[in-house]
Amino acid sequence: MDKVSGVDFGKALELLRLGKCVARKGWNGSGIYIGLHKPTGEFMTQEFIYIDTTGLITDNGSAPKSRVPWLASQTDMLASDWVVVAPRTK
């Protein structure tokens, strides 16, 4: 699953720009990742990072399943446990 392991946030951003999806090993639950949305010109006009929890696996199954814009926390930006993951397919 992981192609690159243990990278910092700067490298994770570079990977997003290359079309990869990344996640933190330290996040709760598996199946969470972030990706970079590139505008198609129809609605959004700027790139933005989104978080996808549609594949989230939890013990009780009550976590929200969604895909929404994402903002990095200080902990995320300073972490060096970012990994490349395969995006969830529809």
N, C-alpha and C. Protein backbone atom coordinates (compact mmCIF):
# COMPACT_ATOMS: atom_id res chain seq x y z
N MET A 1 0.83 -1.19 0.00
CA MET A 1 0.00 0.00 0.00
C MET A 1 0.88 1.25 0.00
N ASP A 2 1.88 1.32 0.89
CA ASP A 2 2.72 2.50 0.96
C ASP A 2 3.83 2.43 -0.07
N LYS A 3 3.98 3.50 -0.84
CA LYS A 3 5.08 3.57 -1.80
C LYS A 3 6.22 4.41 -1.24
N VAL A 4 5.87 5.42 -0.43
CA VAL A 4 6.85 6.25 0.25
C VAL A 4 6.44 6.26 1.71
N SER A 5 7.38 6.09 2.61
CA SER A 5 7.02 6.00 4.01
C SER A 5 7.81 7.00 4.85
N GLY A 6 7.13 7.60 5.82
CA GLY A 6 7.79 8.46 6.77
C GLY A 6 8.31 9.77 6.23
N VAL A 7 7.53 10.45 5.40
CA VAL A 7 7.98 11.74 4.85
C VAL A 7 7.35 12.89 5.63
N ASP A 8 7.96 14.07 5.52
CA ASP A 8 7.42 15.24 6.20
C ASP A 8 6.33 15.90 5.35
N PHE A 9 5.72 16.95 5.90
CA PHE A 9 4.59 17.58 5.23
C PHE A 9 4.99 18.24 3.91
N GLY A 10 6.20 18.80 3.85
CA GLY A 10 6.67 19.41 2.60
C GLY A 10 6.71 18.39 1.48
N LYS A 11 7.24 17.21 1.77
CA LYS A 11 7.29 16.14 0.77
C LYS A 11 5.86 15.65 0.46
N ALA A 12 5.02 15.59 1.48
CA ALA A 12 3.63 15.18 1.25
C ALA A 12 2.93 16.14 0.28
N LEU A 13 3.21 17.45 0.41
CA LEU A 13 2.63 18.43 -0.52
C LEU A 13 3.15 18.21 -1.94
N GLU A 14 4.45 17.92 -2.05
CA GLU A 14 5.00 17.62 -3.37
C GLU A 14 4.30 16.41 -3.99
N LEU A 15 4.07 15.39 -3.20
CA LEU A 15 3.40 14.18 -3.69
C LEU A 15 1.96 14.48 -4.10
N LEU A 16 1.27 15.34 -3.34
CA LEU A 16 -0.09 15.75 -3.72
C LEU A 16 -0.07 16.43 -5.08
N ARG A 17 0.89 17.30 -5.30
CA ARG A 17 0.99 18.01 -6.58
C ARG A 17 1.27 17.06 -7.75
N LEU A 18 1.86 15.90 -7.44
CA LEU A 18 2.13 14.89 -8.47
C LEU A 18 0.94 13.95 -8.68
N GLY A 19 -0.16 14.22 -7.98
CA GLY A 19 -1.36 13.41 -8.16
C GLY A 19 -1.51 12.25 -7.20
N LYS A 20 -0.62 12.15 -6.22
CA LYS A 20 -0.71 11.09 -5.21
C LYS A 20 -1.67 11.48 -4.11
N CYS A 21 -2.16 10.49 -3.37
CA CYS A 21 -2.94 10.72 -2.16
C CYS A 21 -2.06 10.32 -0.99
N VAL A 22 -2.16 11.06 0.11
CA VAL A 22 -1.32 10.79 1.27
C VAL A 22 -2.16 10.74 2.54
N ALA A 23 -1.60 10.08 3.54
CA ALA A 23 -2.24 9.98 4.84
C ALA A 23 -1.16 9.96 5.90
N ARG A 24 -1.57 10.19 7.14
CA ARG A 24 -0.64 10.08 8.26
C ARG A 24 -0.80 8.74 8.93
N LYS A 25 0.30 8.12 9.26
CA LYS A 25 0.26 6.88 10.02
C LYS A 25 -0.38 7.12 11.38
N GLY A 26 -0.24 8.34 11.91
CA GLY A 26 -0.75 8.68 13.23
C GLY A 26 -2.23 9.01 13.30
N TRP A 27 -2.93 9.03 12.17
CA TRP A 27 -4.37 9.33 12.21
C TRP A 27 -5.16 8.17 12.78
N ASN A 28 -6.25 8.51 13.48
CA ASN A 28 -7.15 7.48 14.03
C ASN A 28 -7.95 6.85 12.91
N GLY A 29 -8.00 5.55 12.87
CA GLY A 29 -8.78 4.85 11.85
C GLY A 29 -8.01 4.72 10.56
N SER A 30 -8.30 3.67 9.82
CA SER A 30 -7.68 3.51 8.51
C SER A 30 -8.70 3.88 7.45
N GLY A 31 -8.23 4.16 6.26
CA GLY A 31 -9.12 4.54 5.17
C GLY A 31 -9.30 6.04 5.01
N ILE A 32 -8.53 6.83 5.76
CA ILE A 32 -8.57 8.30 5.66
C ILE A 32 -7.38 8.74 4.82
N TYR A 33 -7.59 9.68 3.91
CA TYR A 33 -6.47 10.24 3.15
C TYR A 33 -6.81 11.63 2.68
N ILE A 34 -5.78 12.36 2.23
CA ILE A 34 -6.01 13.66 1.61
C ILE A 34 -5.54 13.61 0.17
N GLY A 35 -6.16 14.45 -0.64
CA GLY A 35 -5.81 14.55 -2.04
C GLY A 35 -5.89 16.01 -2.47
N LEU A 36 -5.43 16.27 -3.66
CA LEU A 36 -5.46 17.63 -4.20
C LEU A 36 -6.48 17.68 -5.32
N HIS A 37 -7.47 18.56 -5.16
CA HIS A 37 -8.49 18.75 -6.20
C HIS A 37 -8.01 19.84 -7.15
N LYS A 38 -7.95 19.50 -8.41
CA LYS A 38 -7.58 20.49 -9.43
C LYS A 38 -8.86 20.96 -10.11
N PRO A 39 -9.04 22.26 -10.26
CA PRO A 39 -10.28 22.78 -10.83
C PRO A 39 -10.48 22.38 -12.28
N THR A 40 -11.73 22.17 -12.63
CA THR A 40 -12.07 21.84 -14.01
C THR A 40 -12.50 23.08 -14.77
N GLY A 41 -12.65 24.20 -14.06
CA GLY A 41 -13.06 25.44 -14.70
C GLY A 41 -14.56 25.65 -14.67
N GLU A 42 -15.29 24.62 -14.26
CA GLU A 42 -16.75 24.74 -14.24
C GLU A 42 -17.26 25.39 -12.96
N PHE A 43 -16.61 25.11 -11.82
CA PHE A 43 -17.12 25.63 -10.56
C PHE A 43 -16.00 26.22 -9.71
N MET A 44 -15.10 25.39 -9.25
CA MET A 44 -13.98 25.85 -8.43
C MET A 44 -12.88 26.37 -9.35
N THR A 45 -12.24 27.45 -8.95
CA THR A 45 -11.21 28.04 -9.80
C THR A 45 -9.80 27.91 -9.23
N GLN A 46 -9.66 27.42 -8.00
CA GLN A 46 -8.36 27.23 -7.38
C GLN A 46 -8.22 25.80 -6.90
N GLU A 47 -6.99 25.32 -6.85
CA GLU A 47 -6.74 24.00 -6.28
C GLU A 47 -7.04 24.04 -4.78
N PHE A 48 -7.45 22.90 -4.22
CA PHE A 48 -7.59 22.80 -2.77
C PHE A 48 -7.36 21.36 -2.33
N ILE A 49 -6.93 21.22 -1.08
CA ILE A 49 -6.72 19.90 -0.51
C ILE A 49 -8.02 19.47 0.15
N TYR A 50 -8.38 18.20 -0.06
CA TYR A 50 -9.59 17.65 0.55
C TYR A 50 -9.20 16.41 1.35
N ILE A 51 -10.05 16.09 2.32
CA ILE A 51 -9.88 14.86 3.08
C ILE A 51 -11.02 13.92 2.72
N ASP A 52 -10.68 12.67 2.51
CA ASP A 52 -11.67 11.66 2.14
C ASP A 52 -11.76 10.64 3.27
N THR A 53 -12.94 10.56 3.88
CA THR A 53 -13.18 9.58 4.94
C THR A 53 -14.22 8.55 4.51
N THR A 54 -14.48 8.46 3.20
CA THR A 54 -15.52 7.52 2.74
C THR A 54 -15.12 6.07 2.95
N GLY A 55 -13.83 5.80 3.11
CA GLY A 55 -13.38 4.44 3.35
C GLY A 55 -12.95 4.21 4.79
N LEU A 56 -13.31 5.14 5.68
CA LEU A 56 -12.89 5.06 7.08
C LEU A 56 -13.41 3.79 7.74
N ILE A 57 -12.52 3.11 8.41
CA ILE A 57 -12.87 1.90 9.16
C ILE A 57 -12.66 2.19 10.63
N THR A 58 -13.74 2.11 11.42
CA THR A 58 -13.66 2.33 12.86
C THR A 58 -14.27 1.15 13.59
N ASP A 59 -14.05 1.11 14.89
CA ASP A 59 -14.58 0.02 15.70
C ASP A 59 -16.10 0.01 15.75
N ASN A 60 -16.71 1.20 15.88
CA ASN A 60 -18.17 1.26 16.02
C ASN A 60 -18.90 1.66 14.75
N GLY A 61 -18.17 2.02 13.70
CA GLY A 61 -18.80 2.35 12.42
C GLY A 61 -19.59 3.63 12.41
N SER A 62 -19.43 4.49 13.42
CA SER A 62 -20.26 5.69 13.52
C SER A 62 -19.59 6.95 12.98
N ALA A 63 -18.39 6.85 12.47
CA ALA A 63 -17.68 8.03 11.97
C ALA A 63 -18.33 8.52 10.67
N PRO A 64 -18.32 9.84 10.45
CA PRO A 64 -18.90 10.38 9.21
C PRO A 64 -18.11 9.94 7.99
N LYS A 65 -18.82 9.65 6.93
CA LYS A 65 -18.20 9.26 5.66
C LYS A 65 -18.40 10.42 4.70
N SER A 66 -17.32 11.13 4.38
CA SER A 66 -17.47 12.33 3.55
C SER A 66 -16.17 12.67 2.83
N ARG A 67 -16.27 13.65 1.96
CA ARG A 67 -15.12 14.21 1.25
C ARG A 67 -15.32 15.73 1.28
N VAL A 68 -14.45 16.41 2.04
CA VAL A 68 -14.62 17.85 2.27
C VAL A 68 -13.25 18.55 2.20
N PRO A 69 -13.23 19.88 2.00
CA PRO A 69 -11.97 20.61 2.05
C PRO A 69 -11.28 20.39 3.40
N TRP A 70 -9.95 20.39 3.40
CA TRP A 70 -9.18 20.07 4.60
C TRP A 70 -8.17 21.16 4.89
N LEU A 71 -7.95 21.40 6.16
CA LEU A 71 -6.97 22.37 6.62
C LEU A 71 -6.03 21.66 7.59
N ALA A 72 -4.73 21.74 7.35
CA ALA A 72 -3.74 21.06 8.18
C ALA A 72 -3.62 21.71 9.55
N SER A 73 -3.49 20.87 10.56
CA SER A 73 -3.21 21.37 11.91
C SER A 73 -1.69 21.56 12.05
N GLN A 74 -1.27 22.20 13.13
CA GLN A 74 0.16 22.34 13.38
C GLN A 74 0.81 20.97 13.54
N THR A 75 0.11 20.06 14.19
CA THR A 75 0.63 18.71 14.37
C THR A 75 0.83 18.03 13.04
N ASP A 76 -0.14 18.17 12.12
CA ASP A 76 -0.01 17.57 10.79
C ASP A 76 1.17 18.16 10.03
N MET A 77 1.33 19.49 10.11
CA MET A 77 2.41 20.14 9.38
C MET A 77 3.79 19.78 9.90
N LEU A 78 3.91 19.46 11.18
CA LEU A 78 5.20 19.13 11.76
C LEU A 78 5.48 17.63 11.81
N ALA A 79 4.50 16.82 11.41
CA ALA A 79 4.65 15.37 11.45
C ALA A 79 5.57 14.87 10.34
N SER A 80 6.22 13.76 10.59
CA SER A 80 7.05 13.13 9.56
C SER A 80 6.63 11.68 9.35
N ASP A 81 5.32 11.44 9.49
CA ASP A 81 4.80 10.08 9.30
C ASP A 81 3.82 10.00 8.13
N TRP A 82 3.97 10.90 7.15
CA TRP A 82 3.11 10.90 5.97
C TRP A 82 3.49 9.76 5.04
N VAL A 83 2.49 9.10 4.48
CA VAL A 83 2.71 7.98 3.56
C VAL A 83 1.81 8.13 2.34
N VAL A 84 2.25 7.58 1.24
CA VAL A 84 1.42 7.54 0.02
C VAL A 84 0.44 6.38 0.16
N VAL A 85 -0.81 6.63 -0.20
CA VAL A 85 -1.84 5.59 -0.13
C VAL A 85 -2.61 5.57 -1.46
N ALA A 86 -3.27 4.47 -1.69
CA ALA A 86 -4.11 4.35 -2.87
C ALA A 86 -5.45 5.01 -2.57
N PRO A 87 -5.94 5.87 -3.45
CA PRO A 87 -7.25 6.50 -3.19
C PRO A 87 -8.37 5.48 -3.27
N ARG A 88 -9.44 5.77 -2.57
CA ARG A 88 -10.62 4.91 -2.62
C ARG A 88 -11.27 5.08 -3.99
N THR A 89 -11.61 3.98 -4.59
CA THR A 89 -12.30 4.05 -5.88
C THR A 89 -13.79 3.97 -5.66
N LYS A 90 -14.53 4.60 -6.56
CA LYS A 90 -15.98 4.63 -6.42
C LYS A 90 -16.62 3.33 -6.78
